[in-house]
Protein backbone atom coordinates (compact mmCIF):
# COMPACT_ATOMS: atom_id res chain seq x y z
CA MET A 1 242.15 208.26 -106.79
CA SER A 2 243.25 206.20 -109.81
CA ASN A 3 242.53 209.15 -112.12
CA LEU A 4 244.47 211.45 -109.82
CA LEU A 5 247.52 209.20 -109.94
CA GLU A 6 247.55 209.70 -113.70
CA LYS A 7 248.93 213.18 -112.94
CA ALA A 8 251.96 211.68 -111.18
CA SER A 9 255.34 211.64 -112.91
CA ILE A 10 256.52 208.60 -110.91
CA ILE A 11 254.48 205.74 -109.45
CA THR A 12 255.89 202.67 -107.71
CA THR A 13 253.68 199.88 -106.38
CA PRO A 14 254.37 196.19 -105.53
CA THR A 15 253.71 194.92 -109.03
CA ALA A 16 257.05 194.20 -110.70
CA TYR A 17 260.67 193.57 -109.90
CA SER A 18 263.74 191.88 -111.33
CA ASP A 19 267.26 191.13 -110.24
CA GLY A 20 268.63 194.33 -108.73
CA VAL A 21 265.68 196.49 -109.76
CA LEU A 22 262.46 197.61 -108.09
CA HIS A 23 260.45 198.70 -111.12
CA SER A 24 258.26 201.74 -111.42
CA VAL A 25 254.75 201.54 -112.82
CA LYS A 26 255.13 204.99 -114.32
CA PRO A 27 256.97 205.94 -116.37
CA GLU A 28 257.61 202.74 -118.27
CA GLN A 29 261.13 202.42 -119.61
CA THR A 30 261.77 204.25 -122.87
CA LEU A 31 265.02 204.80 -124.76
CA GLY A 32 266.24 208.06 -126.22
CA SER A 33 268.18 208.61 -129.43
CA GLU A 34 271.48 206.91 -130.20
CA LEU A 35 274.45 208.71 -128.60
CA VAL A 36 277.26 206.73 -130.24
CA THR A 37 278.40 208.10 -133.59
CA ASN A 38 278.76 205.32 -136.16
CA GLY A 39 278.27 202.52 -133.70
CA ASP A 40 279.06 200.00 -136.43
CA PHE A 41 282.67 201.31 -136.53
CA ALA A 42 282.31 202.34 -140.20
CA THR A 43 284.11 205.69 -139.82
CA ASP A 44 287.64 205.47 -138.51
CA SER A 45 287.77 209.12 -137.38
CA ASP A 46 285.01 208.55 -134.80
CA TRP A 47 287.01 205.89 -132.99
CA ASN A 48 290.31 206.07 -131.16
CA LYS A 49 291.87 202.68 -131.80
CA GLY A 50 294.64 201.13 -129.70
CA THR A 51 297.34 198.78 -130.98
CA GLY A 52 295.98 195.81 -132.91
CA TRP A 53 292.43 197.02 -133.58
CA SER A 54 291.21 197.26 -137.16
CA ILE A 55 287.91 197.79 -138.97
CA SER A 56 286.67 195.46 -141.65
CA ASN A 57 283.20 195.36 -143.19
CA ASN A 58 281.89 197.86 -140.61
CA THR A 59 283.14 195.60 -137.80
CA ALA A 60 285.78 196.24 -135.16
CA ILE A 61 288.25 193.35 -135.04
CA SER A 62 290.99 192.55 -132.59
CA ASP A 63 293.25 190.65 -134.98
CA GLY A 64 295.47 188.77 -132.54
CA SER A 65 298.20 191.37 -132.18
CA THR A 66 296.19 193.32 -129.60
CA VAL A 67 297.97 193.79 -126.30
CA SER A 68 296.21 193.63 -122.94
CA GLY A 69 294.48 196.91 -122.08
CA SER A 70 294.27 198.20 -125.64
CA ILE A 71 291.05 200.17 -126.21
CA ILE A 72 288.87 201.18 -129.13
CA ALA A 73 286.75 204.11 -127.93
CA GLN A 74 285.00 207.38 -128.71
CA THR A 75 283.73 210.28 -126.62
CA ILE A 76 280.03 210.85 -126.00
CA GLN A 77 278.19 213.44 -123.88
CA LEU A 78 276.31 212.29 -120.76
CA VAL A 79 274.53 213.92 -117.81
CA GLU A 80 275.29 213.09 -114.20
CA GLY A 81 272.65 211.02 -112.47
CA LYS A 82 270.92 209.87 -115.65
CA THR A 83 270.68 206.20 -116.60
CA TYR A 84 272.02 204.90 -119.91
CA GLN A 85 271.58 201.56 -121.64
CA VAL A 86 274.63 200.14 -123.35
CA ILE A 87 274.21 197.27 -125.84
CA LEU A 88 277.29 195.49 -127.17
CA ASN A 89 276.98 192.94 -130.01
CA VAL A 90 279.83 190.44 -130.06
CA ASP A 91 280.08 188.05 -133.03
CA SER A 92 282.93 185.96 -131.62
CA VAL A 93 285.68 185.77 -129.02
CA ASP A 94 288.09 183.09 -130.20
CA ALA A 95 290.89 183.82 -127.76
CA GLY A 96 291.38 185.96 -124.70
CA ARG A 97 288.69 188.30 -123.34
CA VAL A 98 287.11 191.63 -124.21
CA ARG A 99 285.28 194.01 -121.88
CA PHE A 100 282.85 196.85 -122.35
CA TYR A 101 284.90 199.86 -121.29
CA SER A 102 283.77 203.13 -119.74
CA ASN A 103 285.41 205.73 -117.53
CA PHE A 104 282.13 207.30 -116.42
CA LEU A 105 279.56 204.51 -115.96
CA GLY A 106 280.93 202.69 -112.96
CA GLY A 107 284.06 201.33 -114.64
CA GLY A 108 284.54 198.20 -116.72
CA GLN A 109 281.83 195.59 -116.70
CA ALA A 110 282.04 191.79 -116.67
CA ASP A 111 284.52 190.18 -119.03
CA ILE A 112 283.05 188.81 -122.25
CA THR A 113 284.34 185.43 -123.42
CA SER A 114 281.65 184.35 -125.87
CA SER A 115 279.45 185.72 -128.63
CA GLY A 116 276.12 187.34 -127.86
CA THR A 117 274.30 190.58 -127.12
CA PHE A 118 275.26 192.16 -123.80
CA THR A 119 273.12 194.86 -122.19
CA TYR A 120 274.05 197.14 -119.27
CA ASN A 121 271.87 199.74 -117.52
CA LEU A 122 274.22 202.18 -115.82
CA ILE A 123 274.09 205.56 -114.10
CA SER A 124 276.39 208.35 -115.22
CA SER A 125 278.67 209.67 -112.49
CA ILE A 126 279.47 212.96 -114.21
CA THR A 127 278.19 215.50 -116.74
CA GLY A 128 280.34 215.91 -119.84
CA GLY A 129 282.22 214.01 -122.48
CA ARG A 130 283.48 210.57 -121.55
CA THR A 131 284.80 207.61 -123.48
CA VAL A 132 282.93 204.44 -124.27
CA GLY A 133 284.31 201.42 -126.08
CA ILE A 134 285.82 197.94 -125.95
CA GLN A 135 288.99 196.88 -124.16
CA ALA A 136 291.16 193.81 -124.79
CA ARG A 137 291.83 192.02 -121.50
CA ASP A 138 294.55 189.59 -122.63
CA ASP A 139 297.50 189.65 -125.00
CA GLY A 140 296.54 188.18 -128.34
CA THR A 141 292.81 188.66 -127.97
CA GLU A 142 290.94 187.58 -131.10
CA SER A 143 287.38 188.87 -131.27
CA VAL A 144 284.79 190.38 -133.57
CA ILE A 145 282.64 193.20 -132.13
CA ASN A 146 279.81 194.13 -134.46
CA SER A 147 278.37 197.26 -132.82
CA ILE A 148 277.99 199.26 -129.64
CA SER A 149 275.00 201.43 -128.69
CA VAL A 150 274.40 203.96 -125.90
CA LYS A 151 270.95 205.46 -125.27
CA GLU A 152 269.47 207.41 -122.39
CA VAL A 153 266.94 205.42 -120.34
CA THR A 154 263.85 207.18 -119.04
CA ASN A 155 262.23 205.37 -116.11
CA ALA A 156 261.90 205.64 -112.36
CA ASP A 157 263.19 202.20 -111.39
CA PHE A 158 264.97 201.89 -108.06
CA THR A 159 268.38 200.24 -107.87
CA PHE A 160 267.76 197.46 -105.38
CA THR A 161 270.33 195.48 -103.39
CA ARG A 162 270.32 192.81 -100.68
CA ASN A 163 273.47 190.74 -100.58
CA ASN A 164 271.84 187.41 -99.74
CA ILE A 165 268.57 185.48 -99.58
CA GLY A 166 265.58 186.84 -97.65
CA THR A 167 262.14 185.43 -96.93
CA ARG A 168 258.62 186.72 -97.38
CA LEU A 169 255.04 185.57 -96.84
CA ASN A 170 253.81 184.97 -100.37
CA VAL A 171 250.33 185.47 -101.81
CA SER A 172 249.48 181.83 -101.03
CA GLY A 173 250.22 182.41 -97.35
CA ASN A 174 253.49 180.47 -97.23
CA ILE A 175 256.94 181.63 -96.17
CA GLU A 176 259.31 181.35 -99.11
CA SER A 177 262.88 182.36 -99.92
CA VAL A 178 263.64 185.23 -102.30
CA GLY A 179 267.01 185.38 -104.06
CA VAL A 180 269.94 187.76 -103.73
CA ASP A 181 269.16 191.34 -104.86
CA LEU A 182 265.49 190.52 -105.45
CA PRO A 183 262.93 192.79 -103.73
CA ARG A 184 260.27 191.13 -101.60
CA ILE A 185 256.52 191.63 -101.93
CA ASP A 186 255.26 190.52 -98.52
CA TYR A 187 251.62 189.58 -97.87
CA LEU A 188 251.66 189.52 -94.06
CA GLY A 189 248.37 191.19 -93.16
CA GLY A 190 246.69 190.20 -96.42
CA SER A 191 247.75 192.77 -99.03
CA GLY A 192 251.08 192.97 -100.78
CA SER A 193 253.69 195.57 -99.88
CA TRP A 194 257.40 196.01 -100.43
CA LEU A 195 259.30 194.77 -97.36
CA LEU A 196 262.46 196.75 -96.59
CA GLU A 197 264.45 195.57 -93.57
CA PRO A 198 267.80 196.20 -91.89
CA GLU A 199 270.54 193.61 -91.68
CA ALA A 200 269.79 190.91 -89.12
CA THR A 201 271.31 187.66 -87.86
CA ASN A 202 269.47 184.58 -86.65
CA THR A 203 271.79 183.16 -83.99
CA ALA A 204 269.63 180.05 -83.55
CA THR A 205 271.91 177.63 -85.37
CA ASP A 206 269.16 175.07 -86.15
CA SER A 207 266.04 177.12 -86.59
CA ASN A 208 263.65 174.23 -87.15
CA ASP A 209 265.27 171.44 -85.15
CA PHE A 210 264.20 171.58 -81.51
CA THR A 211 266.55 168.79 -80.42
CA THR A 212 269.86 170.48 -81.17
CA GLY A 213 271.50 173.85 -81.74
CA ASP A 214 272.48 177.06 -79.94
CA ILE A 215 270.70 180.38 -79.62
CA PHE A 216 272.13 183.87 -79.05
CA GLU A 217 275.84 183.58 -78.05
CA GLY A 218 275.66 179.91 -77.14
CA SER A 219 273.45 177.63 -75.12
CA GLY A 220 272.98 174.00 -74.35
CA ASP A 221 270.97 171.91 -76.79
CA PRO A 222 267.22 172.40 -76.28
CA GLY A 223 265.41 169.99 -74.03
CA VAL A 224 261.85 169.09 -72.99
CA ASP A 225 260.46 168.76 -69.46
CA ASN A 226 257.23 166.81 -68.82
CA GLY A 227 256.39 166.79 -72.49
CA ILE A 228 256.72 164.90 -75.75
CA LEU A 229 258.31 166.52 -78.79
CA THR A 230 257.66 164.99 -82.22
CA SER A 231 258.83 166.15 -85.65
CA ALA A 232 256.90 166.34 -88.95
CA GLN A 233 253.46 166.58 -87.39
CA ALA A 234 251.76 169.34 -89.40
CA THR A 235 252.08 171.74 -92.32
CA SER A 236 254.23 174.64 -91.19
CA PRO A 237 254.11 178.28 -92.37
CA ASP A 238 256.43 177.33 -95.25
CA GLY A 239 253.78 174.97 -96.65
CA THR A 240 255.58 171.68 -95.97
CA ASN A 241 255.09 168.96 -93.36
CA ASN A 242 257.90 170.02 -91.06
CA ALA A 243 256.14 171.50 -88.01
CA TRP A 244 256.90 169.97 -84.61
CA LYS A 245 254.36 168.97 -81.96
CA LEU A 246 254.95 169.76 -78.28
CA ALA A 247 252.43 167.91 -76.10
CA ASP A 248 252.08 167.07 -72.42
CA ASN A 249 253.34 163.65 -71.32
CA ASN A 250 249.96 162.48 -69.96
CA ASP A 251 251.36 161.61 -66.53
CA GLY A 252 248.21 162.85 -64.75
CA ASN A 253 250.05 165.47 -62.71
CA THR A 254 249.55 169.22 -62.62
CA GLY A 255 252.59 171.27 -63.55
CA LYS A 256 254.56 172.73 -66.42
CA VAL A 257 255.34 171.49 -69.92
CA THR A 258 258.51 173.17 -71.17
CA LEU A 259 260.73 173.42 -74.23
CA ARG A 260 263.90 175.01 -72.88
CA TYR A 261 267.30 176.45 -73.80
CA TYR A 262 269.55 176.51 -70.72
CA ASN A 263 272.97 178.15 -70.23
CA THR A 264 272.09 180.80 -72.77
CA PHE A 265 274.39 183.81 -73.17
CA VAL A 266 273.44 187.15 -74.76
CA PRO A 267 275.47 190.29 -75.53
CA SER A 268 275.74 192.77 -72.67
CA ASN A 269 273.32 195.74 -72.77
CA SER A 270 271.76 194.58 -76.04
CA TYR A 271 268.11 194.04 -76.88
CA ASN A 272 267.50 190.34 -77.41
CA THR A 273 264.50 189.15 -79.40
CA VAL A 274 263.34 185.55 -79.54
CA SER A 275 260.47 184.53 -81.83
CA LEU A 276 258.66 181.27 -82.53
CA PHE A 277 255.79 180.26 -84.80
CA VAL A 278 253.04 178.59 -82.72
CA LYS A 279 249.73 176.95 -83.63
CA LYS A 280 247.06 175.64 -81.26
CA GLN A 281 246.79 171.85 -81.34
CA GLY A 282 245.32 170.64 -78.06
CA ASN A 283 242.89 172.09 -75.55
CA ASN A 284 245.09 174.86 -74.26
CA ASP A 285 244.54 178.26 -75.93
CA TRP A 286 247.59 179.93 -74.42
CA PHE A 287 251.36 179.76 -74.65
CA TYR A 288 253.91 181.66 -72.60
CA TYR A 289 257.60 182.54 -72.55
CA HIS A 290 259.52 182.17 -69.30
CA ILE A 291 262.73 184.24 -69.32
CA PHE A 292 264.89 183.28 -66.35
CA ASP A 293 267.84 185.20 -64.87
CA PHE A 294 269.75 187.55 -67.25
CA GLY A 295 270.12 189.82 -64.25
CA GLY A 296 266.61 189.34 -62.88
CA THR A 297 264.18 186.75 -61.60
CA GLY A 298 261.97 184.68 -63.85
CA LYS A 299 259.53 186.70 -65.96
CA ASN A 300 256.54 185.45 -67.94
CA THR A 301 254.75 186.83 -71.01
CA TRP A 302 251.58 185.18 -72.38
CA PHE A 303 250.26 184.80 -75.94
CA ASP A 304 246.66 183.91 -76.87
CA ILE A 305 247.21 181.44 -79.71
CA ALA A 306 243.47 180.91 -80.24
CA ASN A 307 242.66 184.57 -80.96
CA GLY A 308 246.03 186.09 -81.85
CA THR A 309 246.28 188.60 -79.01
CA LEU A 310 248.74 189.35 -76.24
CA GLY A 311 248.09 188.44 -72.63
CA ASN A 312 250.10 189.65 -69.65
CA VAL A 313 253.46 191.12 -70.68
CA ALA A 314 256.17 191.14 -68.02
CA SER A 315 257.88 194.36 -67.02
CA GLY A 316 260.97 194.86 -69.13
CA HIS A 317 259.52 192.77 -71.94
CA THR A 318 258.29 193.97 -75.35
CA ALA A 319 256.03 191.48 -77.12
CA SER A 320 254.04 191.06 -80.31
CA ILE A 321 251.93 188.39 -82.02
CA ASP A 322 251.47 188.29 -85.80
CA ASP A 323 248.91 186.25 -87.73
CA TYR A 324 250.52 184.09 -90.45
CA GLY A 325 247.27 182.35 -91.42
CA ASN A 326 246.00 178.79 -91.07
CA GLY A 327 246.09 179.12 -87.28
CA TRP A 328 249.78 180.04 -87.12
CA TYR A 329 251.00 182.98 -85.03
CA ARG A 330 254.52 184.31 -84.71
CA CYS A 331 255.08 185.10 -81.02
CA SER A 332 257.96 187.51 -80.41
CA LEU A 333 259.49 188.79 -77.19
CA THR A 334 262.31 191.27 -76.57
CA PHE A 335 264.24 191.72 -73.32
CA GLN A 336 267.32 193.74 -72.43
CA THR A 337 270.25 192.55 -70.38
CA THR A 338 271.39 194.70 -67.47
CA THR A 339 273.81 192.88 -65.18
CA SER A 340 273.99 189.17 -66.01
CA VAL A 341 274.32 187.91 -69.59
CA GLU A 342 273.45 184.30 -68.74
CA GLY A 343 270.03 182.76 -68.32
CA ALA A 344 267.40 180.47 -69.79
CA ILE A 345 264.75 180.80 -72.52
CA GLN A 346 261.72 178.57 -71.93
CA PHE A 347 258.48 178.01 -73.88
CA ARG A 348 255.49 176.60 -71.99
CA LEU A 349 251.90 175.46 -72.50
CA ALA A 350 249.11 177.32 -70.68
CA THR A 351 245.32 177.13 -70.35
CA SER A 352 244.62 180.79 -69.59
CA ASN A 353 246.25 184.19 -69.32
CA GLY A 354 248.55 184.21 -66.30
CA ALA A 355 248.31 180.47 -65.66
CA THR A 356 251.66 178.68 -65.32
CA ASN A 357 250.54 175.07 -64.76
CA ILE A 358 248.33 172.64 -66.66
CA LEU A 359 246.81 169.25 -65.95
CA ARG A 360 248.99 166.90 -67.96
CA ASP A 361 246.18 164.62 -69.15
CA GLY A 362 247.23 164.14 -72.77
CA THR A 363 244.93 166.85 -74.16
CA ASN A 364 247.38 169.76 -74.27
CA GLY A 365 249.72 170.62 -77.10
CA VAL A 366 250.89 173.04 -79.77
CA TYR A 367 252.61 172.93 -83.12
CA ILE A 368 255.84 174.93 -83.35
CA TYR A 369 258.12 176.03 -86.16
CA GLY A 370 261.07 178.30 -86.82
CA ILE A 371 262.87 179.72 -83.78
CA GLN A 372 264.78 182.95 -84.31
CA ALA A 373 267.11 184.70 -81.85
CA GLU A 374 268.36 188.21 -82.65
CA SER A 375 270.46 190.65 -80.64
CA HIS A 376 270.90 194.32 -81.48
CA ALA A 377 271.94 197.55 -79.80
CA THR A 378 268.63 199.32 -80.49
CA ARG A 379 266.24 197.03 -82.37
CA GLN A 380 263.38 195.66 -80.27
CA TYR A 381 261.43 193.56 -82.78
CA ALA A 382 261.79 190.36 -84.78
CA THR A 383 262.72 190.71 -88.43
CA SER A 384 261.49 188.32 -91.13
CA TYR A 385 262.28 184.65 -90.64
CA ILE A 386 265.88 183.60 -91.41
CA PRO A 387 266.17 179.79 -91.79
CA THR A 388 269.34 178.18 -90.41
CA SER A 389 270.78 174.67 -90.43
CA GLY A 390 273.95 174.14 -88.44
CA SER A 391 275.17 177.74 -88.18
CA THR A 392 274.04 181.32 -87.73
CA VAL A 393 272.84 183.17 -90.84
CA THR A 394 272.87 186.90 -91.58
CA ARG A 395 270.40 188.49 -93.98
CA GLY A 396 271.67 191.70 -95.57
CA ALA A 397 269.83 195.01 -95.51
CA ASP A 398 267.35 195.91 -98.24
CA SER A 399 268.31 199.06 -100.15
CA ALA A 400 266.22 200.84 -102.82
CA LEU A 401 267.81 204.02 -104.16
CA ASP A 402 268.27 206.41 -107.05
CA ALA A 403 264.94 206.33 -108.88
CA GLY A 404 263.83 209.22 -111.05
CA SER A 405 265.64 212.10 -112.71
CA SER A 406 265.49 215.88 -112.94
CA ASP A 407 263.00 215.40 -115.81
CA LEU A 408 260.58 213.59 -113.48
CA ILE A 409 261.05 215.56 -110.23
CA SER A 410 260.32 219.28 -109.90
CA SER A 411 262.41 221.52 -107.68
CA THR A 412 259.88 224.35 -107.95
CA GLU A 413 256.80 222.65 -106.56
CA GLY A 414 255.38 219.18 -106.15
CA VAL A 415 254.02 216.43 -103.93
CA LEU A 416 255.73 213.38 -102.45
CA TYR A 417 253.12 210.71 -101.69
CA ALA A 418 253.47 207.34 -99.96
CA GLU A 419 251.34 204.63 -98.36
CA ILE A 420 253.69 203.24 -95.74
CA SER A 421 254.05 201.62 -92.34
CA ALA A 422 257.03 201.30 -90.00
CA LEU A 423 258.43 197.96 -88.87
CA ALA A 424 258.39 199.20 -85.28
CA ASN A 425 257.94 202.29 -83.16
CA ASP A 426 261.64 202.19 -82.33
CA GLY A 427 262.71 205.85 -82.27
CA ILE A 428 265.00 205.44 -85.29
CA PHE A 429 264.96 207.95 -88.15
CA ARG A 430 263.65 206.23 -91.31
CA VAL A 431 263.42 208.44 -94.40
CA LEU A 432 261.86 208.51 -97.86
CA SER A 433 263.14 211.46 -99.87
CA LEU A 434 263.52 213.45 -103.02
CA ASN A 435 267.14 214.61 -103.07
CA ASP A 436 269.88 216.03 -105.27
CA GLY A 437 272.13 212.99 -105.13
CA SER A 438 275.06 214.94 -103.69
CA VAL A 439 277.35 213.72 -100.92
CA GLY A 440 276.31 216.56 -98.62
CA GLY A 441 272.63 216.26 -99.46
CA ASP A 442 271.94 220.00 -99.20
CA ASN A 443 268.62 219.82 -101.07
CA ARG A 444 265.98 217.37 -99.87
CA VAL A 445 262.23 216.85 -99.51
CA ARG A 446 261.72 214.24 -96.79
CA LEU A 447 259.00 212.11 -95.26
CA GLN A 448 260.38 210.47 -92.15
CA TYR A 449 259.69 208.55 -88.98
CA THR A 450 261.52 210.36 -86.19
CA SER A 451 263.04 209.62 -82.79
CA VAL A 452 259.88 210.90 -81.07
CA ASP A 453 257.32 208.24 -80.13
CA ASN A 454 254.92 207.43 -83.03
CA THR A 455 255.89 210.59 -84.91
CA LEU A 456 255.96 211.20 -88.66
CA ALA A 457 257.47 214.38 -90.05
CA ALA A 458 257.87 216.25 -93.34
CA VAL A 459 260.97 218.40 -93.87
CA VAL A 460 262.36 220.57 -96.66
CA LYS A 461 266.04 221.49 -96.72
CA SER A 462 267.69 223.62 -99.36
CA VAL A 463 270.91 225.53 -100.00
CA ASP A 464 273.61 224.65 -97.47
CA ASN A 465 271.28 222.17 -95.75
CA THR A 466 269.05 224.95 -94.39
CA THR A 467 265.66 223.84 -93.03
CA ARG A 468 262.79 225.65 -94.77
CA VAL A 469 259.90 223.85 -93.08
CA SER A 470 259.42 221.03 -90.59
CA ILE A 471 256.00 219.51 -89.82
CA SER A 472 255.62 216.79 -87.17
CA VAL A 473 252.49 214.76 -86.44
CA VAL A 474 251.99 212.17 -83.69
CA LEU A 475 250.23 209.08 -85.04
CA THR A 476 248.21 206.56 -83.05
CA ASP A 477 250.39 203.73 -84.34
CA LEU A 478 253.04 204.21 -87.01
CA THR A 479 253.23 200.44 -87.59
CA GLU A 480 249.81 200.72 -89.24
CA PHE A 481 249.58 201.85 -92.88
CA HIS A 482 249.02 205.57 -93.45
CA LYS A 483 248.46 207.48 -96.67
CA VAL A 484 250.78 210.47 -96.54
CA ALA A 485 251.32 213.37 -98.95
CA PHE A 486 253.75 216.27 -98.54
CA LYS A 487 253.11 219.36 -100.69
CA TYR A 488 256.06 221.70 -101.21
CA LYS A 489 256.11 225.10 -102.88
CA ALA A 490 257.86 228.33 -101.92
CA ASN A 491 256.23 229.50 -98.65
CA ASP A 492 253.43 226.94 -99.14
CA PHE A 493 253.94 223.63 -97.35
CA SER A 494 251.45 221.13 -95.97
CA LEU A 495 251.45 217.52 -94.81
CA TRP A 496 248.37 215.38 -95.38
CA ILE A 497 247.79 212.16 -93.44
CA ASN A 498 244.70 210.00 -94.01
CA GLY A 499 242.73 212.96 -95.35
CA THR A 500 243.74 215.48 -92.66
CA GLU A 501 245.87 218.55 -93.44
CA TYR A 502 248.70 219.83 -91.24
CA VAL A 503 249.97 223.20 -92.44
CA GLY A 504 253.66 224.02 -92.10
CA THR A 505 255.09 227.41 -91.12
CA PRO A 506 257.88 228.49 -93.50
CA ILE A 507 261.20 229.37 -91.86
CA ASN A 508 264.52 230.75 -93.13
CA GLY A 509 262.82 232.32 -96.13
CA GLY A 510 260.56 229.37 -96.94
CA GLY A 511 262.49 228.46 -100.08
CA VAL A 512 262.41 225.20 -102.05
CA PRO A 513 265.22 222.80 -102.95
CA ILE A 514 267.22 223.01 -106.14
CA GLY A 515 268.47 220.24 -108.38
CA LEU A 516 266.18 217.46 -107.16
CA ASN A 517 266.85 214.41 -109.34
CA LYS A 518 266.51 211.27 -107.20
CA LEU A 519 263.81 209.41 -105.28
CA SER A 520 265.28 207.15 -102.58
CA PHE A 521 264.27 205.07 -99.61
CA ASP A 522 266.70 207.09 -97.48
CA SER A 523 267.54 210.75 -96.92
CA GLY A 524 270.05 210.81 -99.74
CA VAL A 525 272.84 210.72 -97.16
CA GLY A 526 271.73 207.92 -94.83
CA ASN A 527 268.79 207.04 -92.53
CA PRO A 528 267.45 204.20 -94.73
CA PHE A 529 263.72 203.61 -94.72
CA TYR A 530 262.82 200.27 -93.16
CA GLY A 531 259.15 199.40 -93.31
CA ASN A 532 256.39 198.30 -95.66
CA VAL A 533 255.45 200.23 -98.80
CA LYS A 534 252.23 199.91 -100.82
CA CYS A 535 252.73 202.92 -103.05
CA VAL A 536 255.07 205.84 -103.71
CA ALA A 537 254.23 208.62 -106.15
CA VAL A 538 255.80 211.92 -107.18
CA PHE A 539 253.87 214.85 -108.62
CA GLN A 540 255.54 217.73 -110.43
CA GLU A 541 252.89 220.18 -109.30
CA ALA A 542 251.43 221.26 -105.97
CA LEU A 543 248.04 219.52 -105.90
CA THR A 544 244.91 221.29 -104.66
CA ASP A 545 243.47 220.66 -101.21
CA ALA A 546 240.62 218.70 -102.77
CA GLU A 547 243.07 216.51 -104.68
CA LEU A 548 245.23 215.92 -101.59
CA THR A 549 242.15 215.00 -99.57
CA CYS A 550 241.17 212.48 -102.22
CA LEU A 551 244.71 211.12 -102.51
CA THR A 552 245.18 210.47 -98.79
CA THR A 553 241.72 209.54 -97.54
CA ILE A 554 241.53 205.90 -96.47
């Protein structure tokens, strides 16, 4: 397969990232020829100078008489959707401010108040001639600008955004924080993959203090019945000694041991997910959640914390258990409110599946860490851990868009390949696409999870958003990784999943898109892809059946 990937024009794998960028493996960044004429300002006729600008010794100088907003600029030719690197060399800024100026690359950039070399990678918003230059930001600006350069950038890096900190499970098996606008390589399950998630809020105001704090829309402080709760008893999933121990009180009686949140309120008609990291400590191999009231009687769901499997799951509950290594499991449960929005969330020790009581003889206990409480209109799963301390915290959505160019993506024929898994079988459209970057998104090649249970589909739309083919396949479990390749060519479409071909029937003339120039983790007009990604590749040719079999076979 490695030799086959050499034929790809774009390859992205979890190997490199930087602030605001999810880097491609292929092609590596290269720069084209210089687009600025006489970037050292040597020829006056190339530059349109505003009041106060002069040229001396091949250097543009704002001599102190410059008024705010005055520009020195020239026109260069750019192509919409392509990325350009601008480098500005500033010798000095003795007074006021200067700014790199452009009316086609996303507007003015950050103000410059000191000497240095300033580099910007920007995407052109239009095809044609547009100005580029330097603008004085204050009256009396005194500065020396040595040169300005604009070159086309060839790469397939994604523009990545997330407006605040997120967490991931790192290669060492510890939960760690990842900074603003930095992609996350997550190792949950053992191998690294990009983690792309929707916005989520942890409403548990003290996520790792089980003596205080609210959950959901307010609750009483947590309390313990018939048990002993002790802090700093073990190494938690974040690699530090901050796990708590919940043990029975050794009173010799048979009954329950409970960590509880009473007088808890949740949003009406929402899905409410509570998750907790749990590790076996005593003799009991089981742990269960008791959800009381919220419009129904008490309901119990059990988790096997010795083997990492689910036990009995109550009607109306959705549950999961994820292995975080070193004996730690994240136990998650989702329930939906119907009539009452008030109730109690309780965590209890158990000795077997379905058992509600234990002999409190001092031998039972668990380690716990990191409670998270999330409410959402449709989402029925826990997102990655969001630490809190004294207030709720919202993690922004991950967005990876606008990789590639018309030079790297063919509108005549090609293959879109991905090794991906969904975060949940939640009936929400999640799309990976080649598109034309337009607002209407008339031309698209899409791989997508659909609203149908466990279904993955491949779709081509072209010219006035007309569907040319649609292939749907029901998977056993779309939260597992699948190798998927979609071949598109006029009247020749097929979807390959894990080595099996599904042939598409052309409709509406069986045409192909035009003007494809972007690779995005969405449809081009919405439906962001949320899931895990091990690899994405784009081929500018329709591969053979033998090649597609090789590419997608697990």
